[in-house]
Amino acid sequence: MADLRDIEARLGALEDLEAIKILKHRYWRLLDLKRFDELAELFTENATASYSGGQYRFTGRDAIMAFLREALGAATGAVGFHHGLQPEIELTGPTTARGVWALHNYFFNEQQNRCVRIAAFYEDEYVKQGGVWRLQHTGYQPVFHEEWRRDDPRTVRRIA
């Protein structure tokens, strides 16, 4: 029979797992809504990112946010929707964890006459600071990446 300390530890682990799930879903929501100031709060100061299979790499929250603002900000015309699912989260210590997430991402840009569809797997590292889980590293490896002209779907070009 489990003692009280065991039950408390298991409950704490479940709470941590749920907090990490909320963190990642918040990341995608804030990214899609272009709420970059709030998005920045989800990262540690020295976070790293590796997007598009390492094609875009950044060190530090400010560098990550500068890239996201430039690449996906309102002025670019890009509109997107990140759908993350199937979390595989492992608590690696009392204040550390890692996770893998499946991603389906669709975005379009009217100004560029461009559509993009991506399937990928995110690989994240998390750290708990002051009782709050934050992203220490985030990045994804694409399974496939397709692009086409909005006015001509026959132009689909598979990149990965």
C-alpha atoms as a PDB file:
ATOM      1  CA  MET A   1       0.000   0.000   0.000  1.00  0.00           C
ATOM      2  CA  ALA A   2       1.296   3.457  -0.902  1.00  0.00           C
ATOM      3  CA  ASP A   3       2.200   5.743   1.942  1.00  0.00           C
ATOM      4  CA  LEU A   4       1.341   9.437   2.052  1.00  0.00           C
ATOM      5  CA  ARG A   5       4.775  10.556   0.773  1.00  0.00           C
ATOM      6  CA  ASP A   6       4.461   8.267  -2.231  1.00  0.00           C
ATOM      7  CA  ILE A   7       0.994   9.597  -3.013  1.00  0.00           C
ATOM      8  CA  GLU A   8       2.193  13.195  -2.648  1.00  0.00           C
ATOM      9  CA  ALA A   9       5.150  12.515  -4.993  1.00  0.00           C
ATOM     10  CA  ARG A  10       2.903  10.885  -7.582  1.00  0.00           C
ATOM     11  CA  LEU A  11       0.391  13.736  -7.362  1.00  0.00           C
ATOM     12  CA  GLY A  12       3.213  16.279  -7.718  1.00  0.00           C
ATOM     13  CA  ALA A  13       4.459  14.470 -10.822  1.00  0.00           C
ATOM     14  CA  LEU A  14       0.967  14.519 -12.359  1.00  0.00           C
ATOM     15  CA  GLU A  15       0.661  18.242 -11.611  1.00  0.00           C
ATOM     16  CA  ASP A  16       4.054  18.861 -13.251  1.00  0.00           C
ATOM     17  CA  LEU A  17       3.084  16.891 -16.351  1.00  0.00           C
ATOM     18  CA  GLU A  18      -0.154  18.844 -16.685  1.00  0.00           C
ATOM     19  CA  ALA A  19       1.666  22.171 -16.203  1.00  0.00           C
ATOM     20  CA  ILE A  20       4.092  21.251 -19.000  1.00  0.00           C
ATOM     21  CA  LYS A  21       1.209  20.362 -21.323  1.00  0.00           C
ATOM     22  CA  ILE A  22      -0.408  23.722 -20.609  1.00  0.00           C
ATOM     23  CA  LEU A  23       2.924  25.484 -21.220  1.00  0.00           C
ATOM     24  CA  LYS A  24       3.323  23.926 -24.664  1.00  0.00           C
ATOM     25  CA  HIS A  25      -0.257  24.558 -25.718  1.00  0.00           C
ATOM     26  CA  ARG A  26       0.096  28.165 -24.523  1.00  0.00           C
ATOM     27  CA  TYR A  27       3.280  28.468 -26.617  1.00  0.00           C
ATOM     28  CA  TRP A  28       1.418  27.541 -29.790  1.00  0.00           C
ATOM     29  CA  ARG A  29      -1.627  29.686 -28.998  1.00  0.00           C
ATOM     30  CA  LEU A  30       0.422  32.792 -28.239  1.00  0.00           C
ATOM     31  CA  LEU A  31       2.550  32.205 -31.329  1.00  0.00           C
ATOM     32  CA  ASP A  32      -0.504  31.955 -33.581  1.00  0.00           C
ATOM     33  CA  LEU A  33      -2.100  35.022 -31.997  1.00  0.00           C
ATOM     34  CA  LYS A  34       1.204  36.937 -32.310  1.00  0.00           C
ATOM     35  CA  ARG A  35       1.239  37.813 -28.613  1.00  0.00           C
ATOM     36  CA  PHE A  36       5.022  37.871 -28.514  1.00  0.00           C
ATOM     37  CA  ASP A  37       5.472  39.663 -25.175  1.00  0.00           C
ATOM     38  CA  GLU A  38       3.454  36.956 -23.414  1.00  0.00           C
ATOM     39  CA  LEU A  39       5.195  34.259 -25.447  1.00  0.00           C
ATOM     40  CA  ALA A  40       8.604  35.498 -24.257  1.00  0.00           C
ATOM     41  CA  GLU A  41       7.586  34.829 -20.652  1.00  0.00           C
ATOM     42  CA  LEU A  42       7.361  31.097 -21.427  1.00  0.00           C
ATOM     43  CA  PHE A  43      11.112  30.846 -22.114  1.00  0.00           C
ATOM     44  CA  THR A  44      14.075  30.888 -19.760  1.00  0.00           C
ATOM     45  CA  GLU A  45      16.445  33.793 -20.331  1.00  0.00           C
ATOM     46  CA  ASN A  46      19.116  31.499 -21.816  1.00  0.00           C
ATOM     47  CA  ALA A  47      16.728  29.277 -23.798  1.00  0.00           C
ATOM     48  CA  THR A  48      17.690  27.797 -27.139  1.00  0.00           C
ATOM     49  CA  ALA A  49      15.637  27.033 -30.235  1.00  0.00           C
ATOM     50  CA  SER A  50      16.234  24.950 -33.341  1.00  0.00           C
ATOM     51  CA  TYR A  51      13.493  25.261 -35.943  1.00  0.00           C
ATOM     52  CA  SER A  52      13.131  23.459 -39.292  1.00  0.00           C
ATOM     53  CA  GLY A  53      15.481  20.645 -38.399  1.00  0.00           C
ATOM     54  CA  GLY A  54      18.206  23.040 -37.256  1.00  0.00           C
ATOM     55  CA  GLN A  55      18.033  25.396 -40.238  1.00  0.00           C
ATOM     56  CA  TYR A  56      17.260  28.227 -37.812  1.00  0.00           C
ATOM     57  CA  ARG A  57      19.120  28.131 -34.459  1.00  0.00           C
ATOM     58  CA  PHE A  58      19.003  30.710 -31.682  1.00  0.00           C
ATOM     59  CA  THR A  59      20.468  31.133 -28.229  1.00  0.00           C
ATOM     60  CA  GLY A  60      18.747  33.365 -25.680  1.00  0.00           C
ATOM     61  CA  ARG A  61      15.129  34.372 -25.264  1.00  0.00           C
ATOM     62  CA  ASP A  62      15.694  37.736 -26.971  1.00  0.00           C
ATOM     63  CA  ALA A  63      17.187  36.127 -30.089  1.00  0.00           C
ATOM     64  CA  ILE A  64      14.346  33.589 -30.283  1.00  0.00           C
ATOM     65  CA  MET A  65      11.715  36.272 -29.935  1.00  0.00           C
ATOM     66  CA  ALA A  66      13.408  38.550 -32.500  1.00  0.00           C
ATOM     67  CA  PHE A  67      13.300  35.705 -35.028  1.00  0.00           C
ATOM     68  CA  LEU A  68       9.658  34.844 -34.326  1.00  0.00           C
ATOM     69  CA  ARG A  69       8.579  38.485 -34.536  1.00  0.00           C
ATOM     70  CA  GLU A  70      10.450  38.964 -37.810  1.00  0.00           C
ATOM     71  CA  ALA A  71       9.347  35.692 -39.402  1.00  0.00           C
ATOM     72  CA  LEU A  72       5.731  35.572 -38.202  1.00  0.00           C
ATOM     73  CA  GLY A  73       4.815  39.077 -37.015  1.00  0.00           C
ATOM     74  CA  ALA A  74       1.679  40.828 -38.247  1.00  0.00           C
ATOM     75  CA  ALA A  75       3.639  42.932 -40.764  1.00  0.00           C
ATOM     76  CA  THR A  76       4.732  39.771 -42.607  1.00  0.00           C
ATOM     77  CA  GLY A  77       1.154  38.855 -43.468  1.00  0.00           C
ATOM     78  CA  ALA A  78       1.693  35.301 -42.194  1.00  0.00           C
ATOM     79  CA  VAL A  79      -1.289  33.621 -40.543  1.00  0.00           C
ATOM     80  CA  GLY A  80      -0.875  30.210 -38.986  1.00  0.00           C
ATOM     81  CA  PHE A  81      -2.288  27.511 -36.806  1.00  0.00           C
ATOM     82  CA  HIS A  82      -0.096  25.107 -34.842  1.00  0.00           C
ATOM     83  CA  HIS A  83      -1.838  21.949 -33.711  1.00  0.00           C
ATOM     84  CA  GLY A  84       0.270  20.008 -31.207  1.00  0.00           C
ATOM     85  CA  LEU A  85      -0.687  16.605 -29.886  1.00  0.00           C
ATOM     86  CA  GLN A  86       0.515  13.242 -28.598  1.00  0.00           C
ATOM     87  CA  PRO A  87       2.791  14.541 -25.815  1.00  0.00           C
ATOM     88  CA  GLU A  88       5.474  12.220 -24.520  1.00  0.00           C
ATOM     89  CA  ILE A  89       6.795  13.945 -21.404  1.00  0.00           C
ATOM     90  CA  GLU A  90       9.471  12.569 -19.115  1.00  0.00           C
ATOM     91  CA  LEU A  91      10.299  14.163 -15.786  1.00  0.00           C
ATOM     92  CA  THR A  92      14.098  13.892 -15.621  1.00  0.00           C
ATOM     93  CA  GLY A  93      14.494  15.500 -12.196  1.00  0.00           C
ATOM     94  CA  PRO A  94      12.560  17.571  -9.663  1.00  0.00           C
ATOM     95  CA  THR A  95      12.898  20.687 -11.840  1.00  0.00           C
ATOM     96  CA  THR A  96      13.733  19.287 -15.293  1.00  0.00           C
ATOM     97  CA  ALA A  97      11.838  17.461 -17.993  1.00  0.00           C
ATOM     98  CA  ARG A  98      11.882  16.725 -21.692  1.00  0.00           C
ATOM     99  CA  GLY A  99       9.104  16.159 -24.142  1.00  0.00           C
ATOM    100  CA  VAL A 100       8.265  15.131 -27.676  1.00  0.00           C
ATOM    101  CA  TRP A 101       5.163  16.471 -29.414  1.00  0.00           C
ATOM    102  CA  ALA A 102       3.615  15.779 -32.795  1.00  0.00           C
ATOM    103  CA  LEU A 103       2.872  18.944 -34.760  1.00  0.00           C
ATOM    104  CA  HIS A 104       0.588  19.745 -37.650  1.00  0.00           C
ATOM    105  CA  ASN A 105       1.098  23.315 -38.796  1.00  0.00           C
ATOM    106  CA  TYR A 106      -0.721  25.157 -41.543  1.00  0.00           C
ATOM    107  CA  PHE A 107      -0.129  28.745 -42.477  1.00  0.00           C
ATOM    108  CA  PHE A 108      -0.658  31.047 -45.378  1.00  0.00           C
ATOM    109  CA  ASN A 109       0.500  34.458 -46.448  1.00  0.00           C
ATOM    110  CA  GLU A 110      -1.694  36.443 -48.793  1.00  0.00           C
ATOM    111  CA  GLN A 111       1.010  39.043 -49.415  1.00  0.00           C
ATOM    112  CA  GLN A 112       3.400  36.336 -50.613  1.00  0.00           C
ATOM    113  CA  ASN A 113       0.702  34.203 -52.275  1.00  0.00           C
ATOM    114  CA  ARG A 114       2.087  31.289 -50.256  1.00  0.00           C
ATOM    115  CA  CYS A 115       0.716  28.322 -48.278  1.00  0.00           C
ATOM    116  CA  VAL A 116       2.699  25.957 -46.086  1.00  0.00           C
ATOM    117  CA  ARG A 117       1.792  22.666 -44.424  1.00  0.00           C
ATOM    118  CA  ILE A 118       4.202  21.007 -42.012  1.00  0.00           C
ATOM    119  CA  ALA A 119       4.152  17.766 -40.064  1.00  0.00           C
ATOM    120  CA  ALA A 120       6.938  17.558 -37.501  1.00  0.00           C
ATOM    121  CA  PHE A 121       8.019  16.376 -34.098  1.00  0.00           C
ATOM    122  CA  TYR A 122       8.991  18.964 -31.505  1.00  0.00           C
ATOM    123  CA  GLU A 123      11.674  18.022 -28.994  1.00  0.00           C
ATOM    124  CA  ASP A 124      11.649  20.226 -25.911  1.00  0.00           C
ATOM    125  CA  GLU A 125      13.502  20.603 -22.655  1.00  0.00           C
ATOM    126  CA  TYR A 126      11.810  22.220 -19.684  1.00  0.00           C
ATOM    127  CA  VAL A 127      13.006  23.667 -16.408  1.00  0.00           C
ATOM    128  CA  LYS A 128      10.993  24.649 -13.353  1.00  0.00           C
ATOM    129  CA  GLN A 129      12.007  28.080 -12.044  1.00  0.00           C
ATOM    130  CA  GLY A 130      10.336  29.572  -9.004  1.00  0.00           C
ATOM    131  CA  GLY A 131       7.655  26.897  -9.192  1.00  0.00           C
ATOM    132  CA  VAL A 132       6.854  27.679 -12.866  1.00  0.00           C
ATOM    133  CA  TRP A 133       7.721  25.428 -15.817  1.00  0.00           C
ATOM    134  CA  ARG A 134       9.459  27.200 -18.721  1.00  0.00           C
ATOM    135  CA  LEU A 135      10.956  26.229 -22.051  1.00  0.00           C
ATOM    136  CA  GLN A 136      14.735  25.741 -21.868  1.00  0.00           C
ATOM    137  CA  HIS A 137      14.916  24.413 -25.429  1.00  0.00           C
ATOM    138  CA  THR A 138      12.421  23.974 -28.220  1.00  0.00           C
ATOM    139  CA  GLY A 139      12.787  22.830 -31.779  1.00  0.00           C
ATOM    140  CA  TYR A 140      11.384  20.505 -34.376  1.00  0.00           C
ATOM    141  CA  GLN A 141      12.385  17.998 -37.015  1.00  0.00           C
ATOM    142  CA  PRO A 142      10.036  18.014 -39.992  1.00  0.00           C
ATOM    143  CA  VAL A 143       8.483  14.826 -41.279  1.00  0.00           C
ATOM    144  CA  PHE A 144       7.384  16.791 -44.317  1.00  0.00           C
ATOM    145  CA  HIS A 145       7.148  20.429 -45.356  1.00  0.00           C
ATOM    146  CA  GLU A 146       5.018  21.414 -48.334  1.00  0.00           C
ATOM    147  CA  GLU A 147       4.631  24.826 -49.929  1.00  0.00           C
ATOM    148  CA  TRP A 148       2.444  26.052 -52.770  1.00  0.00           C
ATOM    149  CA  ARG A 149       1.039  29.205 -54.303  1.00  0.00           C
ATOM    150  CA  ARG A 150      -2.330  30.154 -52.874  1.00  0.00           C
ATOM    151  CA  ASP A 151      -3.788  30.832 -56.294  1.00  0.00           C
ATOM    152  CA  ASP A 152      -2.570  27.507 -57.754  1.00  0.00           C
ATOM    153  CA  PRO A 153      -2.594  24.396 -55.527  1.00  0.00           C
ATOM    154  CA  ARG A 154      -0.959  22.453 -58.376  1.00  0.00           C
ATOM    155  CA  THR A 155       2.323  24.128 -57.390  1.00  0.00           C
ATOM    156  CA  VAL A 156       2.734  21.993 -54.252  1.00  0.00           C
ATOM    157  CA  ARG A 157       6.443  21.540 -53.588  1.00  0.00           C
ATOM    158  CA  ARG A 158       7.555  18.984 -51.028  1.00  0.00           C
ATOM    159  CA  ILE A 159      10.702  20.121 -49.219  1.00  0.00           C
ATOM    160  CA  ALA A 160      11.313  17.334 -46.715  1.00  0.00           C
END
